[in-house]
């Protein structure tokens, strides 16, 4: 019976459905997310995906950045949370070269944690950063509603 439950849980995780991370009074839920495919050449060459955990009004997100080729663009991700009647934006998270500029190479990198304490809505978008500058030459994808 335990094996059947484990196989069923694995199937749900692979399908990307909402899976309660922990059954309890806190109502903690973990879900997978990915950004929509971008329409421009720069956004098509990068991919960002991960998971977020929501417990009450608190939310935290983790993710993976993927760059499919050395083409002058590096992947990044940005989150926004609706808190206290306004959108609160995160910084753009991306991989940095020793020179301080965005990494432009084939890579896959897990990145840290973004969190908000009182989010009523939560969204994510992918960002393609020009490999020559951290502030200029950014292409932003569409926001994707997570909740």
C-alpha atoms as a PDB file:
ATOM      1  CA  UNK A   1       0.000   0.000   0.000  1.00  0.00           C
ATOM      2  CA  UNK A   2       2.872   2.381   0.760  1.00  0.00           C
ATOM      3  CA  UNK A   3       4.395   1.678  -2.661  1.00  0.00           C
ATOM      4  CA  UNK A   4       1.133   2.537  -4.390  1.00  0.00           C
ATOM      5  CA  UNK A   5       0.916   5.803  -2.448  1.00  0.00           C
ATOM      6  CA  UNK A   6       4.547   6.628  -3.315  1.00  0.00           C
ATOM      7  CA  UNK A   7       3.983   5.922  -7.019  1.00  0.00           C
ATOM      8  CA  UNK A   8       0.811   8.024  -7.022  1.00  0.00           C
ATOM      9  CA  UNK A   9       2.622  10.919  -5.309  1.00  0.00           C
ATOM     10  CA  UNK A  10       5.513  10.708  -7.805  1.00  0.00           C
ATOM     11  CA  UNK A  11       3.061  10.763 -10.722  1.00  0.00           C
ATOM     12  CA  UNK A  12       1.415  13.888  -9.356  1.00  0.00           C
ATOM     13  CA  UNK A  13       4.789  15.609  -8.914  1.00  0.00           C
ATOM     14  CA  UNK A  14       5.880  14.742 -12.448  1.00  0.00           C
ATOM     15  CA  UNK A  15       2.613  16.069 -13.851  1.00  0.00           C
ATOM     16  CA  UNK A  16       3.276  19.395 -12.102  1.00  0.00           C
ATOM     17  CA  UNK A  17       0.007  19.457 -10.161  1.00  0.00           C
ATOM     18  CA  UNK A  18      -0.472  21.093  -6.808  1.00  0.00           C
ATOM     19  CA  UNK A  19       0.797  18.817  -4.094  1.00  0.00           C
ATOM     20  CA  UNK A  20       0.330  19.575  -0.420  1.00  0.00           C
ATOM     21  CA  UNK A  21       3.818  19.684   1.018  1.00  0.00           C
ATOM     22  CA  UNK A  22       2.518  18.908   4.446  1.00  0.00           C
ATOM     23  CA  UNK A  23      -0.940  18.058   5.688  1.00  0.00           C
ATOM     24  CA  UNK A  24      -1.756  20.159   8.682  1.00  0.00           C
ATOM     25  CA  UNK A  25      -3.577  23.163  10.025  1.00  0.00           C
ATOM     26  CA  UNK A  26      -1.139  25.616   8.365  1.00  0.00           C
ATOM     27  CA  UNK A  27      -2.398  24.809   4.871  1.00  0.00           C
ATOM     28  CA  UNK A  28       1.091  24.608   3.377  1.00  0.00           C
ATOM     29  CA  UNK A  29       1.036  23.950  -0.394  1.00  0.00           C
ATOM     30  CA  UNK A  30       3.903  23.592  -2.874  1.00  0.00           C
ATOM     31  CA  UNK A  31       3.427  24.023  -6.634  1.00  0.00           C
ATOM     32  CA  UNK A  32       5.725  23.991  -9.651  1.00  0.00           C
ATOM     33  CA  UNK A  33       5.954  26.926 -12.041  1.00  0.00           C
ATOM     34  CA  UNK A  34       7.609  27.855 -15.314  1.00  0.00           C
ATOM     35  CA  UNK A  35       7.675  31.047 -17.305  1.00  0.00           C
ATOM     36  CA  UNK A  36       5.812  31.222 -20.608  1.00  0.00           C
ATOM     37  CA  UNK A  37       7.960  30.900 -23.732  1.00  0.00           C
ATOM     38  CA  UNK A  38       9.062  34.318 -24.881  1.00  0.00           C
ATOM     39  CA  UNK A  39       8.243  35.718 -28.298  1.00  0.00           C
ATOM     40  CA  UNK A  40      11.610  37.349 -29.067  1.00  0.00           C
ATOM     41  CA  UNK A  41      14.828  35.584 -30.036  1.00  0.00           C
ATOM     42  CA  UNK A  42      16.480  36.578 -26.741  1.00  0.00           C
ATOM     43  CA  UNK A  43      13.657  35.140 -24.610  1.00  0.00           C
ATOM     44  CA  UNK A  44      13.469  31.914 -26.657  1.00  0.00           C
ATOM     45  CA  UNK A  45      17.114  31.143 -25.825  1.00  0.00           C
ATOM     46  CA  UNK A  46      16.544  31.062 -22.059  1.00  0.00           C
ATOM     47  CA  UNK A  47      14.232  29.180 -19.687  1.00  0.00           C
ATOM     48  CA  UNK A  48      13.297  29.693 -16.048  1.00  0.00           C
ATOM     49  CA  UNK A  49      11.298  27.288 -13.859  1.00  0.00           C
ATOM     50  CA  UNK A  50      10.996  26.161 -10.247  1.00  0.00           C
ATOM     51  CA  UNK A  51       8.574  25.792  -7.361  1.00  0.00           C
ATOM     52  CA  UNK A  52       6.937  27.947  -4.755  1.00  0.00           C
ATOM     53  CA  UNK A  53       5.539  27.200  -1.322  1.00  0.00           C
ATOM     54  CA  UNK A  54       2.559  29.055   0.049  1.00  0.00           C
ATOM     55  CA  UNK A  55       1.533  28.930   3.693  1.00  0.00           C
ATOM     56  CA  UNK A  56      -1.261  31.319   4.579  1.00  0.00           C
ATOM     57  CA  UNK A  57      -0.282  34.689   3.107  1.00  0.00           C
ATOM     58  CA  UNK A  58       3.460  33.887   3.094  1.00  0.00           C
ATOM     59  CA  UNK A  59       5.100  32.652  -0.090  1.00  0.00           C
ATOM     60  CA  UNK A  60       8.634  31.580  -1.006  1.00  0.00           C
ATOM     61  CA  UNK A  61       9.984  30.639  -4.437  1.00  0.00           C
ATOM     62  CA  UNK A  62      13.052  28.802  -5.719  1.00  0.00           C
ATOM     63  CA  UNK A  63      14.073  28.159  -9.276  1.00  0.00           C
ATOM     64  CA  UNK A  64      16.433  27.130 -12.024  1.00  0.00           C
ATOM     65  CA  UNK A  65      17.929  29.290 -14.755  1.00  0.00           C
ATOM     66  CA  UNK A  66      18.823  27.646 -18.102  1.00  0.00           C
ATOM     67  CA  UNK A  67      20.770  29.148 -20.960  1.00  0.00           C
ATOM     68  CA  UNK A  68      20.690  27.092 -24.161  1.00  0.00           C
ATOM     69  CA  UNK A  69      23.588  28.735 -25.978  1.00  0.00           C
ATOM     70  CA  UNK A  70      26.247  31.413 -26.108  1.00  0.00           C
ATOM     71  CA  UNK A  71      24.361  34.073 -28.037  1.00  0.00           C
ATOM     72  CA  UNK A  72      24.852  37.309 -26.113  1.00  0.00           C
ATOM     73  CA  UNK A  73      21.917  36.774 -23.714  1.00  0.00           C
ATOM     74  CA  UNK A  74      21.720  35.391 -20.188  1.00  0.00           C
ATOM     75  CA  UNK A  75      18.603  34.145 -18.318  1.00  0.00           C
ATOM     76  CA  UNK A  76      17.142  35.919 -15.348  1.00  0.00           C
ATOM     77  CA  UNK A  77      13.927  35.856 -13.356  1.00  0.00           C
ATOM     78  CA  UNK A  78      11.849  38.440 -11.523  1.00  0.00           C
ATOM     79  CA  UNK A  79       8.949  38.026  -9.098  1.00  0.00           C
ATOM     80  CA  UNK A  80       6.238  40.364  -7.910  1.00  0.00           C
ATOM     81  CA  UNK A  81       3.858  40.067  -4.989  1.00  0.00           C
ATOM     82  CA  UNK A  82       0.688  42.070  -4.280  1.00  0.00           C
ATOM     83  CA  UNK A  83       1.184  43.336  -0.728  1.00  0.00           C
ATOM     84  CA  UNK A  84      -0.489  46.193   1.133  1.00  0.00           C
ATOM     85  CA  UNK A  85      -2.366  47.409  -1.954  1.00  0.00           C
ATOM     86  CA  UNK A  86       0.631  47.594  -4.304  1.00  0.00           C
ATOM     87  CA  UNK A  87       3.000  45.386  -6.315  1.00  0.00           C
ATOM     88  CA  UNK A  88       6.365  44.691  -4.695  1.00  0.00           C
ATOM     89  CA  UNK A  89       8.983  43.672  -7.278  1.00  0.00           C
ATOM     90  CA  UNK A  90      12.021  41.537  -6.609  1.00  0.00           C
ATOM     91  CA  UNK A  91      15.387  42.228  -8.124  1.00  0.00           C
ATOM     92  CA  UNK A  92      16.219  40.379 -11.331  1.00  0.00           C
ATOM     93  CA  UNK A  93      18.069  37.208 -10.320  1.00  0.00           C
ATOM     94  CA  UNK A  94      20.754  35.995 -12.769  1.00  0.00           C
ATOM     95  CA  UNK A  95      24.147  34.245 -12.891  1.00  0.00           C
ATOM     96  CA  UNK A  96      27.151  36.549 -12.687  1.00  0.00           C
ATOM     97  CA  UNK A  97      30.590  36.122 -14.265  1.00  0.00           C
ATOM     98  CA  UNK A  98      33.703  37.087 -12.250  1.00  0.00           C
ATOM     99  CA  UNK A  99      33.697  40.397 -14.171  1.00  0.00           C
ATOM    100  CA  UNK A 100      30.269  41.207 -12.673  1.00  0.00           C
ATOM    101  CA  UNK A 101      28.429  40.856 -15.985  1.00  0.00           C
ATOM    102  CA  UNK A 102      25.738  38.263 -16.790  1.00  0.00           C
ATOM    103  CA  UNK A 103      26.974  34.775 -17.721  1.00  0.00           C
ATOM    104  CA  UNK A 104      26.612  33.913 -21.418  1.00  0.00           C
ATOM    105  CA  UNK A 105      27.261  30.201 -21.833  1.00  0.00           C
ATOM    106  CA  UNK A 106      25.338  26.954 -21.861  1.00  0.00           C
ATOM    107  CA  UNK A 107      24.451  26.350 -18.209  1.00  0.00           C
ATOM    108  CA  UNK A 108      21.797  25.275 -15.741  1.00  0.00           C
ATOM    109  CA  UNK A 109      21.867  26.891 -12.302  1.00  0.00           C
ATOM    110  CA  UNK A 110      19.674  26.654  -9.232  1.00  0.00           C
ATOM    111  CA  UNK A 111      19.239  29.978  -7.496  1.00  0.00           C
ATOM    112  CA  UNK A 112      18.266  31.010  -4.014  1.00  0.00           C
ATOM    113  CA  UNK A 113      15.061  32.110  -2.468  1.00  0.00           C
ATOM    114  CA  UNK A 114      12.554  34.921  -2.920  1.00  0.00           C
ATOM    115  CA  UNK A 115       9.873  35.372  -0.268  1.00  0.00           C
ATOM    116  CA  UNK A 116       7.008  37.650   0.655  1.00  0.00           C
ATOM    117  CA  UNK A 117       5.206  37.673   3.986  1.00  0.00           C
ATOM    118  CA  UNK A 118       1.723  38.897   3.060  1.00  0.00           C
ATOM    119  CA  UNK A 119       1.170  38.198  -0.635  1.00  0.00           C
ATOM    120  CA  UNK A 120      -2.402  38.041  -1.940  1.00  0.00           C
ATOM    121  CA  UNK A 121      -1.189  37.559  -5.532  1.00  0.00           C
ATOM    122  CA  UNK A 122       2.148  36.262  -6.828  1.00  0.00           C
ATOM    123  CA  UNK A 123       3.599  36.433 -10.350  1.00  0.00           C
ATOM    124  CA  UNK A 124       6.818  35.572 -12.176  1.00  0.00           C
ATOM    125  CA  UNK A 125       8.456  36.550 -15.480  1.00  0.00           C
ATOM    126  CA  UNK A 126      11.646  35.608 -17.263  1.00  0.00           C
ATOM    127  CA  UNK A 127      14.234  38.177 -18.211  1.00  0.00           C
ATOM    128  CA  UNK A 128      16.928  37.972 -20.884  1.00  0.00           C
ATOM    129  CA  UNK A 129      19.935  40.114 -19.981  1.00  0.00           C
ATOM    130  CA  UNK A 130      22.467  41.349 -22.528  1.00  0.00           C
ATOM    131  CA  UNK A 131      25.753  39.699 -21.565  1.00  0.00           C
ATOM    132  CA  UNK A 132      27.677  42.983 -21.758  1.00  0.00           C
ATOM    133  CA  UNK A 133      25.732  44.906 -19.092  1.00  0.00           C
ATOM    134  CA  UNK A 134      23.711  44.241 -15.933  1.00  0.00           C
ATOM    135  CA  UNK A 135      21.441  47.263 -16.364  1.00  0.00           C
ATOM    136  CA  UNK A 136      21.103  47.899 -20.115  1.00  0.00           C
ATOM    137  CA  UNK A 137      19.750  45.589 -22.780  1.00  0.00           C
ATOM    138  CA  UNK A 138      17.092  43.687 -20.851  1.00  0.00           C
ATOM    139  CA  UNK A 139      14.138  41.931 -22.496  1.00  0.00           C
ATOM    140  CA  UNK A 140      11.214  41.169 -20.212  1.00  0.00           C
ATOM    141  CA  UNK A 141       8.759  38.343 -20.774  1.00  0.00           C
ATOM    142  CA  UNK A 142       5.096  38.396 -19.850  1.00  0.00           C
ATOM    143  CA  UNK A 143       4.062  38.076 -16.217  1.00  0.00           C
ATOM    144  CA  UNK A 144       2.683  34.660 -15.308  1.00  0.00           C
ATOM    145  CA  UNK A 145       0.136  34.491 -12.518  1.00  0.00           C
ATOM    146  CA  UNK A 146       1.000  31.846  -9.935  1.00  0.00           C
ATOM    147  CA  UNK A 147      -1.876  32.701  -7.577  1.00  0.00           C
END
